[in-house]
Amino acid sequence: MLKITLKRSLIGSKKNQIATAHSLCLKRPGDVSSQPDNDATKGKIAILSHLVEVAQS
């Protein structure tokens, strides 16, 4: 499992980045989500790499 934390606001982000963050259950800075460690999740993290922090849980 990966622990994903939204570190920066989504204000000013592209629509696809906002949709990706919402699919990870991240809406506000400080929100934390646990997601499985698979290729789909890693692709979503790549889109939001400048906004999130990822840790193993």
N, C-alpha and C. Protein backbone atom coordinates (compact mmCIF):
# COMPACT_ATOMS: atom_id res chain seq x y z
N MET A 1 0.83 -1.19 0.00
CA MET A 1 0.00 0.00 0.00
C MET A 1 0.88 1.25 0.00
N LEU A 2 0.39 2.27 -0.67
CA LEU A 2 1.06 3.56 -0.72
C LEU A 2 0.23 4.59 0.04
N LYS A 3 0.89 5.41 0.81
CA LYS A 3 0.24 6.50 1.53
C LYS A 3 0.52 7.77 0.74
N ILE A 4 -0.53 8.37 0.17
CA ILE A 4 -0.40 9.53 -0.69
C ILE A 4 -0.99 10.74 0.02
N THR A 5 -0.20 11.82 0.13
CA THR A 5 -0.62 13.04 0.80
C THR A 5 -0.61 14.18 -0.21
N LEU A 6 -1.71 14.92 -0.28
CA LEU A 6 -1.77 16.10 -1.14
C LEU A 6 -1.09 17.25 -0.40
N LYS A 7 0.03 17.73 -0.92
CA LYS A 7 0.84 18.75 -0.27
C LYS A 7 0.54 20.17 -0.76
N ARG A 8 0.03 20.30 -1.97
CA ARG A 8 -0.24 21.62 -2.53
C ARG A 8 -1.68 21.70 -3.00
N SER A 9 -2.19 22.90 -3.10
CA SER A 9 -3.57 23.12 -3.51
C SER A 9 -3.77 22.76 -4.99
N LEU A 10 -5.00 22.41 -5.32
CA LEU A 10 -5.35 22.09 -6.70
C LEU A 10 -5.77 23.33 -7.49
N ILE A 11 -5.81 24.49 -6.83
CA ILE A 11 -6.19 25.73 -7.50
C ILE A 11 -5.19 26.02 -8.61
N GLY A 12 -5.70 26.26 -9.80
CA GLY A 12 -4.83 26.57 -10.94
C GLY A 12 -4.33 25.35 -11.67
N SER A 13 -4.68 24.16 -11.20
CA SER A 13 -4.26 22.92 -11.87
C SER A 13 -5.14 22.64 -13.06
N LYS A 14 -4.65 21.82 -13.97
CA LYS A 14 -5.42 21.43 -15.15
C LYS A 14 -6.56 20.52 -14.72
N LYS A 15 -7.58 20.45 -15.57
CA LYS A 15 -8.77 19.65 -15.25
C LYS A 15 -8.43 18.18 -15.06
N ASN A 16 -7.51 17.66 -15.88
CA ASN A 16 -7.17 16.24 -15.74
C ASN A 16 -6.43 15.98 -14.43
N GLN A 17 -5.65 16.94 -13.95
CA GLN A 17 -4.95 16.78 -12.68
C GLN A 17 -5.94 16.81 -11.51
N ILE A 18 -6.93 17.68 -11.59
CA ILE A 18 -7.95 17.75 -10.54
C ILE A 18 -8.75 16.45 -10.52
N ALA A 19 -9.13 15.95 -11.69
CA ALA A 19 -9.89 14.70 -11.76
C ALA A 19 -9.08 13.53 -11.23
N THR A 20 -7.79 13.51 -11.51
CA THR A 20 -6.92 12.44 -11.01
C THR A 20 -6.81 12.51 -9.49
N ALA A 21 -6.68 13.71 -8.94
CA ALA A 21 -6.60 13.87 -7.49
C ALA A 21 -7.90 13.39 -6.83
N HIS A 22 -9.02 13.73 -7.44
CA HIS A 22 -10.31 13.30 -6.88
C HIS A 22 -10.45 11.78 -6.96
N SER A 23 -9.91 11.16 -7.99
CA SER A 23 -9.99 9.71 -8.10
C SER A 23 -9.15 9.01 -7.03
N LEU A 24 -8.16 9.75 -6.49
CA LEU A 24 -7.34 9.24 -5.39
C LEU A 24 -7.90 9.67 -4.03
N CYS A 25 -9.10 10.27 -4.03
CA CYS A 25 -9.76 10.76 -2.80
C CYS A 25 -8.97 11.88 -2.15
N LEU A 26 -8.34 12.73 -2.96
CA LEU A 26 -7.59 13.88 -2.46
C LEU A 26 -8.28 15.14 -2.95
N LYS A 27 -8.77 15.95 -2.02
CA LYS A 27 -9.49 17.16 -2.42
C LYS A 27 -8.89 18.43 -1.84
N ARG A 28 -8.30 18.34 -0.66
CA ARG A 28 -7.73 19.50 0.00
C ARG A 28 -6.30 19.22 0.41
N PRO A 29 -5.47 20.25 0.50
CA PRO A 29 -4.11 20.03 0.99
C PRO A 29 -4.14 19.40 2.38
N GLY A 30 -3.32 18.39 2.57
CA GLY A 30 -3.30 17.67 3.84
C GLY A 30 -4.09 16.38 3.81
N ASP A 31 -4.95 16.19 2.80
CA ASP A 31 -5.70 14.94 2.68
C ASP A 31 -4.74 13.79 2.44
N VAL A 32 -5.03 12.65 3.07
CA VAL A 32 -4.19 11.45 2.95
C VAL A 32 -5.05 10.31 2.44
N SER A 33 -4.49 9.52 1.54
CA SER A 33 -5.20 8.37 0.98
C SER A 33 -4.25 7.18 0.91
N SER A 34 -4.76 6.00 1.20
CA SER A 34 -3.99 4.77 1.04
C SER A 34 -4.48 4.06 -0.21
N GLN A 35 -3.56 3.79 -1.12
CA GLN A 35 -3.89 3.16 -2.39
C GLN A 35 -2.98 1.96 -2.60
N PRO A 36 -3.45 0.96 -3.39
CA PRO A 36 -2.59 -0.19 -3.67
C PRO A 36 -1.40 0.20 -4.52
N ASP A 37 -0.32 -0.52 -4.35
CA ASP A 37 0.92 -0.24 -5.09
C ASP A 37 0.87 -1.00 -6.40
N ASN A 38 0.23 -0.40 -7.42
CA ASN A 38 0.15 -1.04 -8.74
C ASN A 38 0.42 0.00 -9.83
N ASP A 39 0.42 -0.44 -11.07
CA ASP A 39 0.77 0.44 -12.18
C ASP A 39 -0.24 1.58 -12.37
N ALA A 40 -1.53 1.31 -12.14
CA ALA A 40 -2.54 2.36 -12.30
C ALA A 40 -2.31 3.48 -11.30
N THR A 41 -2.03 3.13 -10.07
CA THR A 41 -1.78 4.14 -9.04
C THR A 41 -0.50 4.92 -9.34
N LYS A 42 0.53 4.22 -9.80
CA LYS A 42 1.79 4.89 -10.13
C LYS A 42 1.60 5.88 -11.28
N GLY A 43 0.74 5.56 -12.24
CA GLY A 43 0.44 6.48 -13.33
C GLY A 43 -0.26 7.73 -12.84
N LYS A 44 -1.18 7.57 -11.90
CA LYS A 44 -1.87 8.72 -11.32
C LYS A 44 -0.90 9.59 -10.53
N ILE A 45 0.02 8.95 -9.82
CA ILE A 45 1.01 9.70 -9.05
C ILE A 45 1.92 10.49 -9.99
N ALA A 46 2.24 9.92 -11.14
CA ALA A 46 3.10 10.60 -12.11
C ALA A 46 2.44 11.90 -12.60
N ILE A 47 1.13 11.89 -12.76
CA ILE A 47 0.41 13.08 -13.20
C ILE A 47 0.45 14.16 -12.13
N LEU A 48 0.43 13.74 -10.86
CA LEU A 48 0.37 14.68 -9.73
C LEU A 48 1.69 14.78 -8.97
N SER A 49 2.79 14.41 -9.58
CA SER A 49 4.05 14.29 -8.86
C SER A 49 4.48 15.58 -8.17
N HIS A 50 4.13 16.74 -8.73
CA HIS A 50 4.53 18.03 -8.15
C HIS A 50 3.59 18.49 -7.04
N LEU A 51 2.49 17.75 -6.82
CA LEU A 51 1.50 18.15 -5.81
C LEU A 51 1.41 17.21 -4.63
N VAL A 52 1.96 15.99 -4.77
CA VAL A 52 1.77 14.98 -3.74
C VAL A 52 3.10 14.50 -3.17
N GLU A 53 2.98 13.85 -2.02
CA GLU A 53 4.11 13.18 -1.39
C GLU A 53 3.68 11.74 -1.17
N VAL A 54 4.56 10.79 -1.51
CA VAL A 54 4.23 9.37 -1.46
C VAL A 54 5.14 8.67 -0.48
N ALA A 55 4.55 7.79 0.33
CA ALA A 55 5.33 6.99 1.29
C ALA A 55 4.75 5.58 1.30
N GLN A 56 5.58 4.61 1.61
CA GLN A 56 5.11 3.22 1.78
C GLN A 56 4.39 3.13 3.12
N SER A 57 3.29 2.38 3.14
CA SER A 57 2.62 2.17 4.42
C SER A 57 2.43 0.71 4.70
